[in-house]
Every structure is written in C-alpha cells, then in structure tokens.
Amino acid sequence: MRVPGTTAVVTGGASGLGAATAAHLAKRGADVFVLDLPAALARTAPPAGITGIGADVTSAGEVGAAMTTVAESGSPLRIVVNCAGVDTPGRVLTDDGPLGLAEFRRVVEVNLVGTFNVLRLGAEVMARTRPEADDQRGVIVNTASLFAFEGQAGHAAYAAAKGGVVSLTLPAARDLARYGIRVVTVAPGIFETPLVATLTEELRAAGLAEQFVSGLAGGPPWPRRYGRPEEFAAFVAAIAEHDYLNAEVVRLDAGLRVGFGKPSPS
C-alpha cells in the first residue's frame, strides 16, 4: 500500500510518538488527522498540513464524530495509528493500602478500551472505501509496550492494558481480514517521549536507566540509547507499505530485556 494520497488518523498526535508519526506520514504525502484531548491540542497545535480533532479515545460519540469528519475529507482512510496512552504508576499494595481501583481502571480504559474504540470505528470507515490491489483497504497499527512482556513493579495497570493490546492483535486481524484490513501492533522499548520522561527517575532508582549506557545485563545490545520518536514513525510507515505484514506484534526496542531491580554486571 502506498502512503501518498491516503488519509491517516493518529491518536495521541499532539506529542510523543503520535506527533512524530503524524508528521512523518504527512511528509510522505498522507492527509493526516490527529486525535487528542482538546487541552493537549491547545498546548501543542499540529503543524501546517495536519488537522487536529479534539476527542477522547474512550468516548464512542467523540471518536465516532471524528471518524465521520475523516470520512468526508476526500481521500480514503487507509491508515489508523493508535498512540494515545497514559500511565499512572502505583504498586498493587503499599503500606498505605492497595492501589485504587479508579487509578487502575483509568489506565486500562485509555490504553486498552481506547485503542479498541478507535480500532473498531476506524475499521468501520475503512471498510466502506474502495479496495486497492489484492482487495486491501488499509492497516491499523496499535501501540503496546515492552512492559506488556516485562512489566515493572509499580506498573501493573499499564502492563495489563498493554498486554491486552498485544492479545487483541490476532483476533482483530482475523475479524477484519474479510474487509482487507490488516492489524499490526508495535511494542516499543524506552523512547524519548513525555510519558517516558515521567518514568525516568523511577527507572534510575531501580538501576534500569544504567543499562542504556553501561551495557549491563538486560540492556539493549545496540544501540545503547533511548529510541527516537522518528524511528517509531518510520517503522509505522514501513508497516503500512508492507502488505504481507499482518496479525503480528513487533518489538521495537534494540533488544532491550528489562528485569526487576538493578542488574548484575555481565
């Protein structure tokens, strides 16, 4: 599938991985819409050539209205990228008591339910477009995390939500195959984003940040650095263009395998 001349929707597009992906797809010739909370769009307006739509990914009504706007834009919707996400660190149990159910529910609601909401409503619009070669209509790219596989202490809600995104990939791809829609999930490692910035001190306290510079056990073999949002964006474009890639969860983490606590020297 070619990116130029298509329409793309990117959630969480006001910052981080979403903003980089939206900019990259626009540069490649797509007509890009970013969905994010109105407050986020007010803080960081999308650059020229990208249309921002205020919407909460957990709201059926708001996302549905946004998709109606997208469907009426002209070029066919071929790419949907789910980048919206939150994390509220908190251990399951501390001396002050158990993790609040409301905190757990909010993280799961945004990361998992929000992803599914955008997937289902985006697929509905995509399914109404004229198919291209091989009867394909487009691709939906979801964002999981390495925490889906190696969740850290204090991130049970985030790990559970991203694990759900991983498990959603195959059945969603099977459900949407009849419409010529692919579903692929990217599980990023630790990237230079505002979300990761909030975790930096905790990672450092656990000795995990050291892995990026010292080559200790579990750190990325190479390159020993945080991922760059532009690298994620380029990978999403490659997924869109690779018609045979479907129903897969791909780790984009330079080989990082995170353990619990401070690793031992190798």
C-alpha atoms as a PDB file:
ATOM      1  CA  MET A   1       0.000   0.000   0.000  1.00  0.00           C
ATOM      2  CA  ARG A   2       1.233   3.440  -0.894  1.00  0.00           C
ATOM      3  CA  VAL A   3       1.120   6.190   1.725  1.00  0.00           C
ATOM      4  CA  PRO A   4       0.756   9.192  -0.639  1.00  0.00           C
ATOM      5  CA  GLY A   5      -2.830  10.081  -1.457  1.00  0.00           C
ATOM      6  CA  THR A   6      -4.309   8.298   1.549  1.00  0.00           C
ATOM      7  CA  THR A   7      -5.875   9.587   4.741  1.00  0.00           C
ATOM      8  CA  ALA A   8      -4.329   8.672   8.092  1.00  0.00           C
ATOM      9  CA  VAL A   9      -5.654   9.053  11.637  1.00  0.00           C
ATOM     10  CA  VAL A  10      -3.177   9.174  14.516  1.00  0.00           C
ATOM     11  CA  THR A  11      -4.369   9.233  18.123  1.00  0.00           C
ATOM     12  CA  GLY A  12      -2.284  10.902  20.794  1.00  0.00           C
ATOM     13  CA  GLY A  13      -0.945  13.021  17.967  1.00  0.00           C
ATOM     14  CA  ALA A  14      -0.243  16.170  19.967  1.00  0.00           C
ATOM     15  CA  SER A  15       3.037  14.856  21.378  1.00  0.00           C
ATOM     16  CA  GLY A  16       5.499  11.987  21.594  1.00  0.00           C
ATOM     17  CA  LEU A  17       5.239   9.018  19.265  1.00  0.00           C
ATOM     18  CA  GLY A  18       1.914  10.216  17.888  1.00  0.00           C
ATOM     19  CA  ALA A  19       3.197  13.647  16.884  1.00  0.00           C
ATOM     20  CA  ALA A  20       6.271  12.140  15.208  1.00  0.00           C
ATOM     21  CA  THR A  21       4.127   9.618  13.334  1.00  0.00           C
ATOM     22  CA  ALA A  22       1.669  12.238  12.144  1.00  0.00           C
ATOM     23  CA  ALA A  23       4.487  14.471  10.896  1.00  0.00           C
ATOM     24  CA  HIS A  24       6.207  11.586   9.106  1.00  0.00           C
ATOM     25  CA  LEU A  25       3.039  10.382   7.357  1.00  0.00           C
ATOM     26  CA  ALA A  26       2.206  13.948   6.305  1.00  0.00           C
ATOM     27  CA  LYS A  27       5.699  14.341   4.896  1.00  0.00           C
ATOM     28  CA  ARG A  28       5.168  11.123   2.951  1.00  0.00           C
ATOM     29  CA  GLY A  29       2.060  12.589   1.319  1.00  0.00           C
ATOM     30  CA  ALA A  30      -0.816  11.410   3.500  1.00  0.00           C
ATOM     31  CA  ASP A  31      -3.716  13.612   4.556  1.00  0.00           C
ATOM     32  CA  VAL A  32      -3.277  13.354   8.340  1.00  0.00           C
ATOM     33  CA  PHE A  33      -5.769  13.880  11.156  1.00  0.00           C
ATOM     34  CA  VAL A  34      -4.591  13.746  14.755  1.00  0.00           C
ATOM     35  CA  LEU A  35      -6.996  12.901  17.561  1.00  0.00           C
ATOM     36  CA  ASP A  36      -6.125  14.086  21.033  1.00  0.00           C
ATOM     37  CA  LEU A  37      -7.715  15.734  24.030  1.00  0.00           C
ATOM     38  CA  PRO A  38      -8.666  19.383  23.349  1.00  0.00           C
ATOM     39  CA  ALA A  39      -6.342  20.566  26.120  1.00  0.00           C
ATOM     40  CA  ALA A  40      -3.407  18.714  24.548  1.00  0.00           C
ATOM     41  CA  LEU A  41      -4.130  20.199  21.133  1.00  0.00           C
ATOM     42  CA  ALA A  42      -4.372  23.660  22.695  1.00  0.00           C
ATOM     43  CA  ARG A  43      -0.910  23.257  24.218  1.00  0.00           C
ATOM     44  CA  THR A  44       0.673  21.942  21.029  1.00  0.00           C
ATOM     45  CA  ALA A  45      -1.234  22.714  17.853  1.00  0.00           C
ATOM     46  CA  PRO A  46      -0.493  20.359  14.930  1.00  0.00           C
ATOM     47  CA  PRO A  47       1.839  21.791  12.278  1.00  0.00           C
ATOM     48  CA  ALA A  48       0.541  23.072   8.959  1.00  0.00           C
ATOM     49  CA  GLY A  49      -0.906  20.332   6.805  1.00  0.00           C
ATOM     50  CA  ILE A  50      -2.148  18.256   9.743  1.00  0.00           C
ATOM     51  CA  THR A  51      -5.696  18.602  11.060  1.00  0.00           C
ATOM     52  CA  GLY A  52      -6.301  18.308  14.784  1.00  0.00           C
ATOM     53  CA  ILE A  53      -9.583  16.968  16.153  1.00  0.00           C
ATOM     54  CA  GLY A  54     -10.326  17.147  19.843  1.00  0.00           C
ATOM     55  CA  ALA A  55     -11.582  13.777  21.030  1.00  0.00           C
ATOM     56  CA  ASP A  56     -11.305  11.441  23.986  1.00  0.00           C
ATOM     57  CA  VAL A  57     -10.367   7.993  22.641  1.00  0.00           C
ATOM     58  CA  THR A  58     -12.563   6.342  25.283  1.00  0.00           C
ATOM     59  CA  SER A  59     -15.686   8.135  24.032  1.00  0.00           C
ATOM     60  CA  ALA A  60     -17.725   6.335  21.378  1.00  0.00           C
ATOM     61  CA  GLY A  61     -19.512   9.556  20.469  1.00  0.00           C
ATOM     62  CA  GLU A  62     -16.431  11.755  20.162  1.00  0.00           C
ATOM     63  CA  VAL A  63     -14.400   9.236  18.181  1.00  0.00           C
ATOM     64  CA  GLY A  64     -17.412   8.436  16.011  1.00  0.00           C
ATOM     65  CA  ALA A  65     -17.870  12.119  15.174  1.00  0.00           C
ATOM     66  CA  ALA A  66     -14.169  12.437  14.412  1.00  0.00           C
ATOM     67  CA  MET A  67     -14.310   9.462  12.057  1.00  0.00           C
ATOM     68  CA  THR A  68     -17.291  10.999  10.263  1.00  0.00           C
ATOM     69  CA  THR A  69     -15.209  14.118   9.659  1.00  0.00           C
ATOM     70  CA  VAL A  70     -12.344  11.981   8.394  1.00  0.00           C
ATOM     71  CA  ALA A  71     -14.622  10.001   6.087  1.00  0.00           C
ATOM     72  CA  GLU A  72     -15.851  13.214   4.484  1.00  0.00           C
ATOM     73  CA  SER A  73     -12.347  14.570   3.887  1.00  0.00           C
ATOM     74  CA  GLY A  74     -11.942  13.195   0.371  1.00  0.00           C
ATOM     75  CA  SER A  75      -9.105  10.673   0.151  1.00  0.00           C
ATOM     76  CA  PRO A  76      -9.794   7.179   1.526  1.00  0.00           C
ATOM     77  CA  LEU A  77      -8.906   6.308   5.104  1.00  0.00           C
ATOM     78  CA  ARG A  78      -6.127   3.719   4.823  1.00  0.00           C
ATOM     79  CA  ILE A  79      -4.060   4.162   7.995  1.00  0.00           C
ATOM     80  CA  VAL A  80      -5.109   4.316  11.644  1.00  0.00           C
ATOM     81  CA  VAL A  81      -2.400   4.542  14.301  1.00  0.00           C
ATOM     82  CA  ASN A  82      -3.212   4.212  18.000  1.00  0.00           C
ATOM     83  CA  CYS A  83      -0.628   6.142  20.029  1.00  0.00           C
ATOM     84  CA  ALA A  84      -2.800   7.615  22.797  1.00  0.00           C
ATOM     85  CA  GLY A  85      -1.768   6.311  26.189  1.00  0.00           C
ATOM     86  CA  VAL A  86      -1.329   7.123  29.866  1.00  0.00           C
ATOM     87  CA  ASP A  87       0.449   5.591  32.827  1.00  0.00           C
ATOM     88  CA  THR A  88      -0.206   6.280  36.486  1.00  0.00           C
ATOM     89  CA  PRO A  89       2.494   4.414  38.421  1.00  0.00           C
ATOM     90  CA  GLY A  90       1.364   2.700  41.575  1.00  0.00           C
ATOM     91  CA  ARG A  91       2.169  -0.576  43.284  1.00  0.00           C
ATOM     92  CA  VAL A  92      -0.588  -3.115  43.827  1.00  0.00           C
ATOM     93  CA  LEU A  93      -0.057  -2.806  47.561  1.00  0.00           C
ATOM     94  CA  THR A  94       1.906  -0.403  49.753  1.00  0.00           C
ATOM     95  CA  ASP A  95       1.957   0.319  53.465  1.00  0.00           C
ATOM     96  CA  ASP A  96      -0.757   2.900  52.774  1.00  0.00           C
ATOM     97  CA  GLY A  97      -3.089   0.307  51.249  1.00  0.00           C
ATOM     98  CA  PRO A  98      -3.946  -1.247  47.868  1.00  0.00           C
ATOM     99  CA  LEU A  99      -3.834   0.511  44.511  1.00  0.00           C
ATOM    100  CA  GLY A 100      -7.048   2.420  43.916  1.00  0.00           C
ATOM    101  CA  LEU A 101      -9.456   0.746  41.541  1.00  0.00           C
ATOM    102  CA  ALA A 102     -10.192   4.073  39.852  1.00  0.00           C
ATOM    103  CA  GLU A 103      -6.485   4.530  39.004  1.00  0.00           C
ATOM    104  CA  PHE A 104      -6.253   1.020  37.579  1.00  0.00           C
ATOM    105  CA  ARG A 105      -9.462   1.427  35.615  1.00  0.00           C
ATOM    106  CA  ARG A 106      -8.381   4.752  34.055  1.00  0.00           C
ATOM    107  CA  VAL A 107      -5.100   3.332  32.711  1.00  0.00           C
ATOM    108  CA  VAL A 108      -6.868   0.304  31.238  1.00  0.00           C
ATOM    109  CA  GLU A 109      -9.675   2.472  29.874  1.00  0.00           C
ATOM    110  CA  VAL A 110      -7.365   4.772  27.918  1.00  0.00           C
ATOM    111  CA  ASN A 111      -4.730   2.289  26.780  1.00  0.00           C
ATOM    112  CA  LEU A 112      -6.873  -0.763  26.014  1.00  0.00           C
ATOM    113  CA  VAL A 113     -10.502   0.303  25.700  1.00  0.00           C
ATOM    114  CA  GLY A 114      -9.491   3.499  23.892  1.00  0.00           C
ATOM    115  CA  THR A 115      -7.368   1.517  21.452  1.00  0.00           C
ATOM    116  CA  PHE A 116     -10.243  -0.847  20.724  1.00  0.00           C
ATOM    117  CA  ASN A 117     -12.699   2.028  20.357  1.00  0.00           C
ATOM    118  CA  VAL A 118     -10.576   3.721  17.709  1.00  0.00           C
ATOM    119  CA  LEU A 119      -9.813   0.395  16.021  1.00  0.00           C
ATOM    120  CA  ARG A 120     -13.476  -0.574  15.657  1.00  0.00           C
ATOM    121  CA  LEU A 121     -14.691   2.838  14.485  1.00  0.00           C
ATOM    122  CA  GLY A 122     -11.716   3.370  12.195  1.00  0.00           C
ATOM    123  CA  ALA A 123     -12.260  -0.074  10.685  1.00  0.00           C
ATOM    124  CA  GLU A 124     -15.898   0.790  10.037  1.00  0.00           C
ATOM    125  CA  VAL A 125     -14.904   3.793   7.927  1.00  0.00           C
ATOM    126  CA  MET A 126     -12.049   1.925   6.245  1.00  0.00           C
ATOM    127  CA  ALA A 127     -14.331  -0.959   5.274  1.00  0.00           C
ATOM    128  CA  ARG A 128     -16.524   1.402   3.247  1.00  0.00           C
ATOM    129  CA  THR A 129     -13.658   2.540   1.000  1.00  0.00           C
ATOM    130  CA  ARG A 130     -12.920   1.160  -2.452  1.00  0.00           C
ATOM    131  CA  PRO A 131     -10.307  -1.622  -2.177  1.00  0.00           C
ATOM    132  CA  GLU A 132      -6.895  -1.371  -3.776  1.00  0.00           C
ATOM    133  CA  ALA A 133      -4.785  -4.157  -5.267  1.00  0.00           C
ATOM    134  CA  ASP A 134      -5.323  -7.572  -3.647  1.00  0.00           C
ATOM    135  CA  ASP A 135      -8.603  -6.241  -2.219  1.00  0.00           C
ATOM    136  CA  GLN A 136      -6.775  -4.424   0.566  1.00  0.00           C
ATOM    137  CA  ARG A 137      -8.277  -1.398   2.239  1.00  0.00           C
ATOM    138  CA  GLY A 138      -5.757  -0.393   4.865  1.00  0.00           C
ATOM    139  CA  VAL A 139      -3.945  -1.069   8.119  1.00  0.00           C
ATOM    140  CA  ILE A 140      -4.482  -0.347  11.798  1.00  0.00           C
ATOM    141  CA  VAL A 141      -1.310  -0.019  13.858  1.00  0.00           C
ATOM    142  CA  ASN A 142      -1.642  -0.286  17.627  1.00  0.00           C
ATOM    143  CA  THR A 143       0.970   0.635  20.215  1.00  0.00           C
ATOM    144  CA  ALA A 144       1.756  -1.777  23.041  1.00  0.00           C
ATOM    145  CA  SER A 145       4.961  -1.682  25.107  1.00  0.00           C
ATOM    146  CA  LEU A 146       7.819  -3.849  26.269  1.00  0.00           C
ATOM    147  CA  PHE A 147       6.012  -3.660  29.631  1.00  0.00           C
ATOM    148  CA  ALA A 148       3.382  -5.968  28.120  1.00  0.00           C
ATOM    149  CA  PHE A 149       6.024  -8.687  28.328  1.00  0.00           C
ATOM    150  CA  GLU A 150       8.289  -7.488  31.133  1.00  0.00           C
ATOM    151  CA  GLY A 151       6.143  -5.318  33.352  1.00  0.00           C
ATOM    152  CA  GLN A 152       7.890  -3.463  36.129  1.00  0.00           C
ATOM    153  CA  ALA A 153       6.964  -3.081  39.774  1.00  0.00           C
ATOM    154  CA  GLY A 154       4.575  -0.180  40.131  1.00  0.00           C
ATOM    155  CA  HIS A 155       3.128  -0.555  36.632  1.00  0.00           C
ATOM    156  CA  ALA A 156       0.586  -3.371  36.963  1.00  0.00           C
ATOM    157  CA  ALA A 157      -2.188  -1.317  35.332  1.00  0.00           C
ATOM    158  CA  TYR A 158      -0.037  -0.234  32.389  1.00  0.00           C
ATOM    159  CA  ALA A 159       1.331  -3.737  31.827  1.00  0.00           C
ATOM    160  CA  ALA A 160      -2.159  -5.239  31.981  1.00  0.00           C
ATOM    161  CA  ALA A 161      -3.527  -2.707  29.499  1.00  0.00           C
ATOM    162  CA  LYS A 162      -0.663  -3.117  27.035  1.00  0.00           C
ATOM    163  CA  GLY A 163      -0.851  -6.885  27.410  1.00  0.00           C
ATOM    164  CA  GLY A 164      -4.461  -6.583  26.348  1.00  0.00           C
ATOM    165  CA  VAL A 165      -3.420  -4.656  23.248  1.00  0.00           C
ATOM    166  CA  VAL A 166      -0.991  -7.456  22.391  1.00  0.00           C
ATOM    167  CA  SER A 167      -3.713 -10.103  22.792  1.00  0.00           C
ATOM    168  CA  LEU A 168      -6.148  -8.027  20.734  1.00  0.00           C
ATOM    169  CA  THR A 169      -3.914  -8.096  17.665  1.00  0.00           C
ATOM    170  CA  LEU A 170      -4.547 -11.576  16.261  1.00  0.00           C
ATOM    171  CA  PRO A 171      -8.324 -11.811  16.742  1.00  0.00           C
ATOM    172  CA  ALA A 172      -8.802  -8.281  15.415  1.00  0.00           C
ATOM    173  CA  ALA A 173      -6.736  -9.128  12.336  1.00  0.00           C
ATOM    174  CA  ARG A 174      -8.813 -12.257  11.800  1.00  0.00           C
ATOM    175  CA  ASP A 175     -12.095 -10.368  12.228  1.00  0.00           C
ATOM    176  CA  LEU A 176     -11.069  -7.640   9.782  1.00  0.00           C
ATOM    177  CA  ALA A 177      -9.464  -9.883   7.151  1.00  0.00           C
ATOM    178  CA  ARG A 178     -12.734 -10.157   5.225  1.00  0.00           C
ATOM    179  CA  TYR A 179     -12.588  -6.397   4.658  1.00  0.00           C
ATOM    180  CA  GLY A 180      -8.952  -6.344   3.550  1.00  0.00           C
ATOM    181  CA  ILE A 181      -7.807  -4.566   6.715  1.00  0.00           C
ATOM    182  CA  ARG A 182      -4.556  -5.547   8.425  1.00  0.00           C
ATOM    183  CA  VAL A 183      -3.807  -5.145  12.140  1.00  0.00           C
ATOM    184  CA  VAL A 184      -0.247  -4.862  13.453  1.00  0.00           C
ATOM    185  CA  THR A 185       0.991  -3.923  16.908  1.00  0.00           C
ATOM    186  CA  VAL A 186       4.312  -2.275  17.730  1.00  0.00           C
ATOM    187  CA  ALA A 187       5.745  -2.841  21.214  1.00  0.00           C
ATOM    188  CA  PRO A 188       8.267  -0.011  21.706  1.00  0.00           C
ATOM    189  CA  GLY A 189      11.100  -0.101  24.172  1.00  0.00           C
ATOM    190  CA  ILE A 190      12.006   3.068  26.037  1.00  0.00           C
ATOM    191  CA  PHE A 191      11.653   6.061  23.726  1.00  0.00           C
ATOM    192  CA  GLU A 192      12.297   9.761  24.258  1.00  0.00           C
ATOM    193  CA  THR A 193       8.701  10.847  24.920  1.00  0.00           C
ATOM    194  CA  PRO A 194       6.882  12.899  27.563  1.00  0.00           C
ATOM    195  CA  LEU A 195       5.406   9.683  29.011  1.00  0.00           C
ATOM    196  CA  VAL A 196       8.835   8.135  29.463  1.00  0.00           C
ATOM    197  CA  ALA A 197      10.139  11.367  30.977  1.00  0.00           C
ATOM    198  CA  THR A 198       7.762  10.814  33.898  1.00  0.00           C
ATOM    199  CA  LEU A 199       9.292   7.381  34.472  1.00  0.00           C
ATOM    200  CA  THR A 200      12.946   8.354  34.250  1.00  0.00           C
ATOM    201  CA  GLU A 201      13.536   8.901  37.954  1.00  0.00           C
ATOM    202  CA  GLU A 202      11.863   5.623  38.859  1.00  0.00           C
ATOM    203  CA  LEU A 203      13.862   3.745  36.250  1.00  0.00           C
ATOM    204  CA  ARG A 204      17.052   5.325  37.539  1.00  0.00           C
ATOM    205  CA  ALA A 205      16.191   4.375  41.118  1.00  0.00           C
ATOM    206  CA  ALA A 206      15.678   0.782  40.032  1.00  0.00           C
ATOM    207  CA  GLY A 207      19.014   0.768  38.241  1.00  0.00           C
ATOM    208  CA  LEU A 208      17.336   0.306  34.849  1.00  0.00           C
ATOM    209  CA  ALA A 209      18.456   3.583  33.297  1.00  0.00           C
ATOM    210  CA  GLU A 210      22.072   2.486  33.763  1.00  0.00           C
ATOM    211  CA  GLN A 211      21.516  -0.316  31.268  1.00  0.00           C
ATOM    212  CA  PHE A 212      21.417   2.143  28.403  1.00  0.00           C
ATOM    213  CA  VAL A 213      24.912   3.429  28.954  1.00  0.00           C
ATOM    214  CA  SER A 214      26.826   0.647  30.656  1.00  0.00           C
ATOM    215  CA  GLY A 215      25.808  -2.441  28.719  1.00  0.00           C
ATOM    216  CA  LEU A 216      24.755  -4.275  31.888  1.00  0.00           C
ATOM    217  CA  ALA A 217      22.703  -7.463  31.593  1.00  0.00           C
ATOM    218  CA  GLY A 218      19.291  -6.840  30.077  1.00  0.00           C
ATOM    219  CA  GLY A 219      20.198  -3.567  28.408  1.00  0.00           C
ATOM    220  CA  PRO A 220      19.870  -3.131  24.659  1.00  0.00           C
ATOM    221  CA  PRO A 221      22.785  -4.844  22.890  1.00  0.00           C
ATOM    222  CA  TRP A 222      22.932  -1.975  20.405  1.00  0.00           C
ATOM    223  CA  PRO A 223      22.358   0.911  20.160  1.00  0.00           C
ATOM    224  CA  ARG A 224      22.605   1.715  23.871  1.00  0.00           C
ATOM    225  CA  ARG A 225      20.255   4.690  23.965  1.00  0.00           C
ATOM    226  CA  TYR A 226      16.608   5.593  24.127  1.00  0.00           C
ATOM    227  CA  GLY A 227      14.621   5.164  20.943  1.00  0.00           C
ATOM    228  CA  ARG A 228      13.794   8.262  18.919  1.00  0.00           C
ATOM    229  CA  PRO A 229      10.180   9.074  18.028  1.00  0.00           C
ATOM    230  CA  GLU A 230      11.199   9.499  14.386  1.00  0.00           C
ATOM    231  CA  GLU A 231      12.345   5.864  14.356  1.00  0.00           C
ATOM    232  CA  PHE A 232       8.936   4.718  15.557  1.00  0.00           C
ATOM    233  CA  ALA A 233       7.253   6.901  12.925  1.00  0.00           C
ATOM    234  CA  ALA A 234       9.368   5.495  10.100  1.00  0.00           C
ATOM    235  CA  PHE A 235       8.564   1.967  11.261  1.00  0.00           C
ATOM    236  CA  VAL A 236       4.826   2.680  11.189  1.00  0.00           C
ATOM    237  CA  ALA A 237       5.141   3.904   7.594  1.00  0.00           C
ATOM    238  CA  ALA A 238       7.065   0.746   6.704  1.00  0.00           C
ATOM    239  CA  ILE A 239       4.292  -1.382   8.210  1.00  0.00           C
ATOM    240  CA  ALA A 240       1.724   0.488   6.137  1.00  0.00           C
ATOM    241  CA  GLU A 241       3.686  -0.182   2.965  1.00  0.00           C
ATOM    242  CA  HIS A 242       4.414  -3.856   3.691  1.00  0.00           C
ATOM    243  CA  ASP A 243       1.240  -5.589   2.538  1.00  0.00           C
ATOM    244  CA  TYR A 244       2.227  -9.046   3.810  1.00  0.00           C
ATOM    245  CA  LEU A 245       2.763  -7.953   7.401  1.00  0.00           C
ATOM    246  CA  ASN A 246      -0.360  -8.731   9.398  1.00  0.00           C
ATOM    247  CA  ALA A 247      -1.519 -10.014  12.810  1.00  0.00           C
ATOM    248  CA  GLU A 248       1.937  -9.525  14.327  1.00  0.00           C
ATOM    249  CA  VAL A 249       3.310  -7.877  17.448  1.00  0.00           C
ATOM    250  CA  VAL A 250       6.760  -6.461  16.702  1.00  0.00           C
ATOM    251  CA  ARG A 251       9.118  -5.311  19.452  1.00  0.00           C
ATOM    252  CA  LEU A 252      10.981  -2.123  18.587  1.00  0.00           C
ATOM    253  CA  ASP A 253      13.435  -1.984  21.478  1.00  0.00           C
ATOM    254  CA  ALA A 254      17.015  -2.604  20.258  1.00  0.00           C
ATOM    255  CA  GLY A 255      16.905  -5.961  22.046  1.00  0.00           C
ATOM    256  CA  LEU A 256      16.168  -4.497  25.485  1.00  0.00           C
ATOM    257  CA  ARG A 257      15.048  -7.073  28.051  1.00  0.00           C
ATOM    258  CA  VAL A 258      14.132  -5.445  31.349  1.00  0.00           C
ATOM    259  CA  GLY A 259      14.456  -7.336  34.607  1.00  0.00           C
ATOM    260  CA  PHE A 260      13.402  -6.358  38.093  1.00  0.00           C
ATOM    261  CA  GLY A 261      15.692  -4.047  40.016  1.00  0.00           C
ATOM    262  CA  LYS A 262      19.349  -3.363  39.471  1.00  0.00           C
ATOM    263  CA  PRO A 263      21.003  -5.869  37.100  1.00  0.00           C
ATOM    264  CA  SER A 264      24.274  -7.587  37.763  1.00  0.00           C
ATOM    265  CA  PRO A 265      27.297  -6.916  35.555  1.00  0.00           C
ATOM    266  CA  SER A 266      27.695  -9.437  32.773  1.00  0.00           C
END
